[in-house]
Amino acid sequence: MVGRFSPPAAPDSPPVMPETPSIALSFNGTQAPQLVVEAVADPRGRPRALAATDDLPPDEFVFYSSIILGDADRAARVVHDLERGTDVMDSVMWWDLAQPFRKTAGFRRLIAAVGLEQLWRTRGWPDKCRPKGAGDFVCD
């Protein structure tokens, strides 16, 4: 319905277009999101992208970025500090991108600390993990 929410444009005037928001991949004054996207396309940018997250609070963005960029140790440290750490971790720990994360000692410590290792030993192992003796396990 023309004019329902605004007066109709005069017949000889160009249509009024709403302002298009610019798409900038940044938040809190950092270009970290843009650098992460660029580093996915060009892995040579990974050190710069990870450095851009150094001064950010340990949040879900830093966790996901660490997984995506292959810094499994950082991801393991960050997830410990997240209020919903295991919920966040559970949503990505089986991604193919998270394979390096699953192979770290930090991941194994985290799994043990939240009780998943005991659960897996009792109820069965996930497809990508298996026991390695009585006190350890490995994941692919």
N, C-alpha and C. Protein backbone atom coordinates (compact mmCIF):
# COMPACT_ATOMS: atom_id res chain seq x y z
N MET A 1 0.83 -1.17 0.00
CA MET A 1 0.00 0.00 0.00
C MET A 1 0.88 1.23 0.00
N VAL A 2 0.91 1.94 -1.08
CA VAL A 2 1.74 3.13 -1.19
C VAL A 2 1.23 4.19 -0.24
N GLY A 3 2.12 4.80 0.47
CA GLY A 3 1.78 5.90 1.34
C GLY A 3 1.22 5.51 2.69
N ARG A 4 1.13 4.24 2.97
CA ARG A 4 0.56 3.84 4.25
C ARG A 4 1.40 4.32 5.42
N PHE A 5 2.73 4.21 5.30
CA PHE A 5 3.60 4.60 6.39
C PHE A 5 4.34 5.91 6.11
N SER A 6 4.34 6.35 4.88
CA SER A 6 4.97 7.62 4.53
C SER A 6 4.21 8.19 3.35
N PRO A 7 4.29 9.47 3.19
CA PRO A 7 3.55 10.05 2.06
C PRO A 7 4.14 9.56 0.75
N PRO A 8 3.30 9.38 -0.25
CA PRO A 8 3.82 8.92 -1.54
C PRO A 8 4.76 9.97 -2.14
N ALA A 9 5.74 9.50 -2.90
CA ALA A 9 6.70 10.40 -3.54
C ALA A 9 6.00 11.13 -4.68
N ALA A 10 6.46 12.34 -4.92
CA ALA A 10 5.93 13.09 -6.06
C ALA A 10 6.28 12.34 -7.33
N PRO A 11 5.39 12.38 -8.33
CA PRO A 11 5.61 11.59 -9.55
C PRO A 11 6.93 11.87 -10.26
N ASP A 12 7.48 13.07 -10.15
CA ASP A 12 8.71 13.38 -10.88
C ASP A 12 9.97 13.29 -10.01
N SER A 13 9.83 12.89 -8.75
CA SER A 13 11.01 12.78 -7.88
C SER A 13 11.51 11.34 -7.84
N PRO A 14 12.83 11.17 -7.66
CA PRO A 14 13.37 9.80 -7.57
C PRO A 14 12.89 9.13 -6.28
N PRO A 15 12.81 7.81 -6.30
CA PRO A 15 12.37 7.11 -5.08
C PRO A 15 13.37 7.35 -3.94
N VAL A 16 12.85 7.43 -2.76
CA VAL A 16 13.70 7.61 -1.58
C VAL A 16 14.09 6.23 -1.10
N MET A 17 15.38 5.99 -1.07
CA MET A 17 15.89 4.69 -0.63
C MET A 17 16.37 4.81 0.81
N PRO A 18 16.09 3.81 1.63
CA PRO A 18 16.59 3.86 3.00
C PRO A 18 18.11 3.76 2.99
N GLU A 19 18.72 4.33 4.02
CA GLU A 19 20.17 4.24 4.13
C GLU A 19 20.58 2.79 4.33
N THR A 20 21.60 2.38 3.62
CA THR A 20 22.11 1.03 3.75
C THR A 20 23.25 1.07 4.76
N PRO A 21 23.15 0.27 5.82
CA PRO A 21 24.25 0.28 6.78
C PRO A 21 25.50 -0.30 6.14
N SER A 22 26.63 0.30 6.45
CA SER A 22 27.87 -0.26 5.93
C SER A 22 28.18 -1.53 6.70
N ILE A 23 28.75 -2.45 6.02
CA ILE A 23 29.10 -3.72 6.66
C ILE A 23 30.57 -3.63 7.04
N ALA A 24 30.82 -3.50 8.30
CA ALA A 24 32.18 -3.44 8.81
C ALA A 24 32.34 -4.55 9.82
N LEU A 25 33.33 -5.36 9.60
CA LEU A 25 33.56 -6.47 10.52
C LEU A 25 34.49 -6.01 11.64
N SER A 26 33.91 -5.31 12.58
CA SER A 26 34.67 -4.88 13.74
C SER A 26 33.71 -4.74 14.91
N PHE A 27 34.27 -4.81 16.08
CA PHE A 27 33.49 -4.51 17.27
C PHE A 27 34.45 -4.06 18.35
N ASN A 28 33.92 -3.29 19.28
CA ASN A 28 34.71 -2.76 20.39
C ASN A 28 36.00 -2.10 19.93
N GLY A 29 35.96 -1.48 18.76
CA GLY A 29 37.12 -0.76 18.27
C GLY A 29 38.24 -1.62 17.73
N THR A 30 38.00 -2.89 17.53
CA THR A 30 39.05 -3.76 16.99
C THR A 30 38.66 -4.26 15.61
N GLN A 31 39.66 -4.51 14.82
CA GLN A 31 39.44 -5.07 13.49
C GLN A 31 39.60 -6.59 13.51
N ALA A 32 39.60 -7.18 14.69
CA ALA A 32 39.82 -8.62 14.81
C ALA A 32 38.86 -9.43 13.93
N PRO A 33 37.56 -9.13 13.91
CA PRO A 33 36.67 -9.95 13.05
C PRO A 33 37.09 -9.93 11.59
N GLN A 34 37.43 -8.74 11.08
CA GLN A 34 37.86 -8.64 9.69
C GLN A 34 39.14 -9.43 9.47
N LEU A 35 40.08 -9.32 10.41
CA LEU A 35 41.34 -10.05 10.27
C LEU A 35 41.14 -11.55 10.32
N VAL A 36 40.19 -12.02 11.13
CA VAL A 36 39.90 -13.46 11.19
C VAL A 36 39.37 -13.94 9.85
N VAL A 37 38.43 -13.19 9.29
CA VAL A 37 37.87 -13.57 7.99
C VAL A 37 38.97 -13.61 6.93
N GLU A 38 39.81 -12.60 6.92
CA GLU A 38 40.91 -12.57 5.95
C GLU A 38 41.88 -13.72 6.17
N ALA A 39 42.13 -14.09 7.42
CA ALA A 39 43.07 -15.18 7.72
C ALA A 39 42.52 -16.54 7.31
N VAL A 40 41.20 -16.68 7.31
CA VAL A 40 40.62 -17.94 6.83
C VAL A 40 40.92 -18.07 5.34
N ALA A 41 40.82 -16.97 4.61
CA ALA A 41 41.10 -16.99 3.18
C ALA A 41 42.59 -17.09 2.88
N ASP A 42 43.41 -16.49 3.72
CA ASP A 42 44.86 -16.50 3.52
C ASP A 42 45.54 -16.80 4.85
N PRO A 43 45.92 -18.04 5.09
CA PRO A 43 46.50 -18.44 6.39
C PRO A 43 47.72 -17.63 6.82
N ARG A 44 48.37 -16.93 5.91
CA ARG A 44 49.50 -16.10 6.32
C ARG A 44 49.07 -14.99 7.27
N GLY A 45 47.77 -14.67 7.29
CA GLY A 45 47.27 -13.64 8.18
C GLY A 45 46.89 -14.13 9.57
N ARG A 46 47.08 -15.43 9.82
CA ARG A 46 46.68 -15.98 11.13
C ARG A 46 47.39 -15.34 12.32
N PRO A 47 48.71 -15.18 12.28
CA PRO A 47 49.36 -14.55 13.45
C PRO A 47 48.80 -13.15 13.74
N ARG A 48 48.57 -12.36 12.70
CA ARG A 48 48.04 -11.01 12.90
C ARG A 48 46.62 -11.06 13.46
N ALA A 49 45.80 -11.98 12.94
CA ALA A 49 44.42 -12.10 13.43
C ALA A 49 44.40 -12.54 14.89
N LEU A 50 45.23 -13.51 15.24
CA LEU A 50 45.27 -13.96 16.63
C LEU A 50 45.79 -12.85 17.55
N ALA A 51 46.79 -12.10 17.08
CA ALA A 51 47.31 -11.00 17.89
C ALA A 51 46.22 -9.95 18.13
N ALA A 52 45.33 -9.78 17.16
CA ALA A 52 44.25 -8.79 17.32
C ALA A 52 43.26 -9.20 18.40
N THR A 53 43.22 -10.47 18.73
CA THR A 53 42.31 -10.93 19.79
C THR A 53 42.96 -10.92 21.17
N ASP A 54 44.26 -10.66 21.22
CA ASP A 54 44.98 -10.71 22.51
C ASP A 54 44.40 -9.80 23.58
N ASP A 55 43.99 -8.60 23.20
CA ASP A 55 43.50 -7.64 24.19
C ASP A 55 42.00 -7.70 24.41
N LEU A 56 41.33 -8.62 23.75
CA LEU A 56 39.89 -8.75 23.92
C LEU A 56 39.59 -9.62 25.14
N PRO A 57 38.45 -9.40 25.77
CA PRO A 57 38.09 -10.28 26.89
C PRO A 57 37.88 -11.70 26.39
N PRO A 58 38.15 -12.69 27.22
CA PRO A 58 37.99 -14.08 26.77
C PRO A 58 36.50 -14.39 26.59
N ASP A 59 36.02 -14.21 25.39
CA ASP A 59 34.60 -14.43 25.12
C ASP A 59 34.43 -15.45 24.01
N GLU A 60 33.19 -15.64 23.60
CA GLU A 60 32.90 -16.65 22.58
C GLU A 60 33.57 -16.31 21.26
N PHE A 61 33.66 -15.02 20.92
CA PHE A 61 34.34 -14.63 19.69
C PHE A 61 35.80 -15.09 19.70
N VAL A 62 36.48 -14.86 20.80
CA VAL A 62 37.89 -15.25 20.89
C VAL A 62 38.00 -16.78 20.84
N PHE A 63 37.08 -17.47 21.50
CA PHE A 63 37.09 -18.94 21.46
C PHE A 63 36.91 -19.45 20.03
N TYR A 64 35.85 -18.99 19.36
CA TYR A 64 35.59 -19.44 18.00
C TYR A 64 36.74 -19.07 17.07
N SER A 65 37.27 -17.86 17.21
CA SER A 65 38.38 -17.43 16.37
C SER A 65 39.60 -18.32 16.59
N SER A 66 39.85 -18.68 17.83
CA SER A 66 40.98 -19.56 18.13
C SER A 66 40.81 -20.91 17.46
N ILE A 67 39.60 -21.45 17.50
CA ILE A 67 39.32 -22.73 16.84
C ILE A 67 39.53 -22.59 15.33
N ILE A 68 38.90 -21.57 14.76
CA ILE A 68 38.96 -21.37 13.31
C ILE A 68 40.39 -21.16 12.83
N LEU A 69 41.19 -20.46 13.63
CA LEU A 69 42.55 -20.14 13.22
C LEU A 69 43.57 -21.18 13.68
N GLY A 70 43.11 -22.22 14.36
CA GLY A 70 43.99 -23.32 14.71
C GLY A 70 44.82 -23.14 15.96
N ASP A 71 44.47 -22.21 16.83
CA ASP A 71 45.21 -22.03 18.08
C ASP A 71 44.45 -22.77 19.19
N ALA A 72 44.64 -24.06 19.23
CA ALA A 72 43.90 -24.92 20.15
C ALA A 72 44.21 -24.61 21.61
N ASP A 73 45.45 -24.29 21.91
CA ASP A 73 45.79 -23.99 23.30
C ASP A 73 45.07 -22.74 23.79
N ARG A 74 45.00 -21.72 22.94
CA ARG A 74 44.28 -20.51 23.31
C ARG A 74 42.80 -20.83 23.49
N ALA A 75 42.24 -21.62 22.60
CA ALA A 75 40.82 -21.99 22.71
C ALA A 75 40.55 -22.70 24.03
N ALA A 76 41.44 -23.60 24.41
CA ALA A 76 41.27 -24.33 25.67
C ALA A 76 41.35 -23.38 26.87
N ARG A 77 42.27 -22.41 26.83
CA ARG A 77 42.37 -21.43 27.92
C ARG A 77 41.12 -20.56 28.00
N VAL A 78 40.65 -20.10 26.85
CA VAL A 78 39.50 -19.19 26.82
C VAL A 78 38.23 -19.88 27.30
N VAL A 79 38.02 -21.11 26.87
CA VAL A 79 36.77 -21.78 27.22
C VAL A 79 36.65 -21.99 28.72
N HIS A 80 37.78 -22.10 29.41
CA HIS A 80 37.76 -22.22 30.87
C HIS A 80 37.14 -20.99 31.51
N ASP A 81 37.33 -19.82 30.90
CA ASP A 81 36.87 -18.56 31.48
C ASP A 81 35.46 -18.17 31.07
N LEU A 82 34.87 -18.92 30.17
CA LEU A 82 33.53 -18.58 29.71
C LEU A 82 32.48 -19.07 30.69
N GLU A 83 31.49 -18.22 30.92
CA GLU A 83 30.40 -18.61 31.82
C GLU A 83 29.69 -19.86 31.32
N ARG A 84 29.49 -19.92 30.02
CA ARG A 84 28.85 -21.09 29.42
C ARG A 84 29.90 -21.94 28.69
N GLY A 85 31.06 -22.08 29.26
CA GLY A 85 32.18 -22.72 28.60
C GLY A 85 31.88 -24.04 27.94
N THR A 86 31.32 -24.97 28.69
CA THR A 86 31.10 -26.29 28.09
C THR A 86 29.97 -26.26 27.07
N ASP A 87 28.98 -25.38 27.25
CA ASP A 87 27.93 -25.26 26.23
C ASP A 87 28.52 -24.77 24.93
N VAL A 88 29.37 -23.75 25.02
CA VAL A 88 30.00 -23.18 23.83
C VAL A 88 30.92 -24.22 23.20
N MET A 89 31.70 -24.88 24.03
CA MET A 89 32.64 -25.87 23.52
C MET A 89 31.92 -27.00 22.81
N ASP A 90 30.82 -27.46 23.41
CA ASP A 90 30.09 -28.58 22.84
C ASP A 90 29.57 -28.27 21.45
N SER A 91 29.27 -27.02 21.19
CA SER A 91 28.73 -26.68 19.88
C SER A 91 29.77 -26.70 18.77
N VAL A 92 31.05 -26.63 19.11
CA VAL A 92 32.07 -26.59 18.06
C VAL A 92 33.13 -27.67 18.17
N MET A 93 33.19 -28.39 19.26
CA MET A 93 34.34 -29.28 19.43
C MET A 93 34.38 -30.44 18.43
N TRP A 94 33.28 -30.67 17.75
CA TRP A 94 33.27 -31.75 16.76
C TRP A 94 33.41 -31.24 15.34
N TRP A 95 33.50 -29.93 15.15
CA TRP A 95 33.75 -29.38 13.81
C TRP A 95 35.07 -29.91 13.29
N ASP A 96 35.19 -30.08 11.99
CA ASP A 96 36.47 -30.47 11.40
C ASP A 96 37.55 -29.44 11.72
N LEU A 97 37.18 -28.16 11.75
CA LEU A 97 38.14 -27.11 12.08
C LEU A 97 38.70 -27.26 13.49
N ALA A 98 37.99 -27.95 14.34
CA ALA A 98 38.42 -28.10 15.74
C ALA A 98 39.32 -29.31 15.95
N GLN A 99 39.68 -30.02 14.91
CA GLN A 99 40.52 -31.20 15.08
C GLN A 99 41.82 -30.88 15.81
N PRO A 100 42.53 -29.79 15.47
CA PRO A 100 43.74 -29.49 16.25
C PRO A 100 43.44 -29.25 17.73
N PHE A 101 42.32 -28.61 18.01
CA PHE A 101 41.88 -28.35 19.40
C PHE A 101 41.71 -29.67 20.14
N ARG A 102 41.09 -30.67 19.50
CA ARG A 102 40.84 -31.96 20.15
C ARG A 102 42.12 -32.73 20.44
N LYS A 103 43.21 -32.36 19.80
CA LYS A 103 44.47 -33.10 19.97
C LYS A 103 45.38 -32.48 21.02
N THR A 104 44.94 -31.43 21.69
CA THR A 104 45.82 -30.76 22.65
C THR A 104 45.65 -31.33 24.05
N ALA A 105 46.70 -31.15 24.83
CA ALA A 105 46.63 -31.53 26.24
C ALA A 105 45.59 -30.66 26.96
N GLY A 106 45.46 -29.39 26.53
CA GLY A 106 44.46 -28.50 27.13
C GLY A 106 43.05 -29.03 26.94
N PHE A 107 42.76 -29.57 25.77
CA PHE A 107 41.45 -30.15 25.51
C PHE A 107 41.22 -31.35 26.43
N ARG A 108 42.23 -32.21 26.55
CA ARG A 108 42.08 -33.40 27.40
C ARG A 108 41.88 -33.01 28.86
N ARG A 109 42.62 -32.00 29.32
CA ARG A 109 42.43 -31.53 30.70
C ARG A 109 41.03 -30.96 30.90
N LEU A 110 40.57 -30.20 29.93
CA LEU A 110 39.24 -29.61 30.02
C LEU A 110 38.16 -30.69 30.04
N ILE A 111 38.27 -31.68 29.18
CA ILE A 111 37.30 -32.77 29.13
C ILE A 111 37.27 -33.51 30.47
N ALA A 112 38.45 -33.74 31.04
CA ALA A 112 38.51 -34.41 32.34
C ALA A 112 37.91 -33.51 33.43
N ALA A 113 38.22 -32.21 33.39
CA ALA A 113 37.77 -31.28 34.43
C ALA A 113 36.25 -31.15 34.47
N VAL A 114 35.60 -31.21 33.33
CA VAL A 114 34.13 -31.05 33.31
C VAL A 114 33.40 -32.39 33.42
N GLY A 115 34.16 -33.48 33.55
CA GLY A 115 33.55 -34.78 33.78
C GLY A 115 33.19 -35.57 32.54
N LEU A 116 33.53 -35.05 31.36
CA LEU A 116 33.18 -35.79 30.14
C LEU A 116 33.99 -37.07 29.97
N GLU A 117 35.25 -37.04 30.38
CA GLU A 117 36.06 -38.26 30.23
C GLU A 117 35.43 -39.41 31.03
N GLN A 118 35.04 -39.13 32.26
CA GLN A 118 34.41 -40.17 33.09
C GLN A 118 33.10 -40.64 32.47
N LEU A 119 32.32 -39.69 31.96
CA LEU A 119 31.06 -40.03 31.29
C LEU A 119 31.32 -40.93 30.09
N TRP A 120 32.31 -40.58 29.29
CA TRP A 120 32.62 -41.38 28.11
C TRP A 120 33.12 -42.77 28.50
N ARG A 121 33.93 -42.84 29.54
CA ARG A 121 34.41 -44.16 29.97
C ARG A 121 33.26 -45.03 30.47
N THR A 122 32.24 -44.41 31.04
CA THR A 122 31.10 -45.15 31.57
C THR A 122 30.08 -45.49 30.49
N ARG A 123 29.77 -44.51 29.66
CA ARG A 123 28.66 -44.67 28.71
C ARG A 123 29.07 -44.92 27.27
N GLY A 124 30.34 -44.75 26.97
CA GLY A 124 30.80 -44.97 25.60
C GLY A 124 31.46 -43.72 25.03
N TRP A 125 32.38 -43.95 24.14
CA TRP A 125 33.19 -42.88 23.58
C TRP A 125 32.53 -42.27 22.36
N PRO A 126 32.70 -40.96 22.16
CA PRO A 126 32.20 -40.35 20.92
C PRO A 126 33.00 -40.88 19.74
N ASP A 127 32.45 -40.73 18.56
CA ASP A 127 33.08 -41.28 17.36
C ASP A 127 34.53 -40.83 17.16
N LYS A 128 34.85 -39.62 17.54
CA LYS A 128 36.17 -39.08 17.25
C LYS A 128 37.16 -39.24 18.40
N CYS A 129 36.79 -39.93 19.46
CA CYS A 129 37.68 -40.11 20.61
C CYS A 129 37.71 -41.58 21.03
N ARG A 130 38.80 -41.96 21.69
CA ARG A 130 38.92 -43.34 22.18
C ARG A 130 39.89 -43.35 23.36
N PRO A 131 39.75 -44.35 24.22
CA PRO A 131 40.66 -44.42 25.37
C PRO A 131 42.07 -44.75 24.92
N LYS A 132 43.01 -44.27 25.68
CA LYS A 132 44.43 -44.60 25.47
C LYS A 132 44.94 -45.02 26.83
N GLY A 133 44.69 -46.25 27.17
CA GLY A 133 45.05 -46.76 28.48
C GLY A 133 44.02 -46.37 29.51
N ALA A 134 44.36 -46.62 30.77
CA ALA A 134 43.39 -46.40 31.86
C ALA A 134 43.24 -44.93 32.24
N GLY A 135 44.22 -44.09 31.93
CA GLY A 135 44.14 -42.72 32.42
C GLY A 135 44.29 -41.65 31.35
N ASP A 136 44.11 -42.01 30.09
CA ASP A 136 44.27 -41.03 29.04
C ASP A 136 43.35 -41.38 27.88
N PHE A 137 43.22 -40.47 26.95
CA PHE A 137 42.44 -40.72 25.75
C PHE A 137 42.98 -39.84 24.63
N VAL A 138 42.60 -40.17 23.41
CA VAL A 138 42.99 -39.38 22.25
C VAL A 138 41.74 -39.11 21.43
N CYS A 139 41.78 -38.01 20.71
CA CYS A 139 40.68 -37.66 19.81
C CYS A 139 41.25 -37.29 18.45
N ASP A 140 40.51 -37.59 17.45
CA ASP A 140 40.90 -37.24 16.07
C ASP A 140 40.25 -35.94 15.68
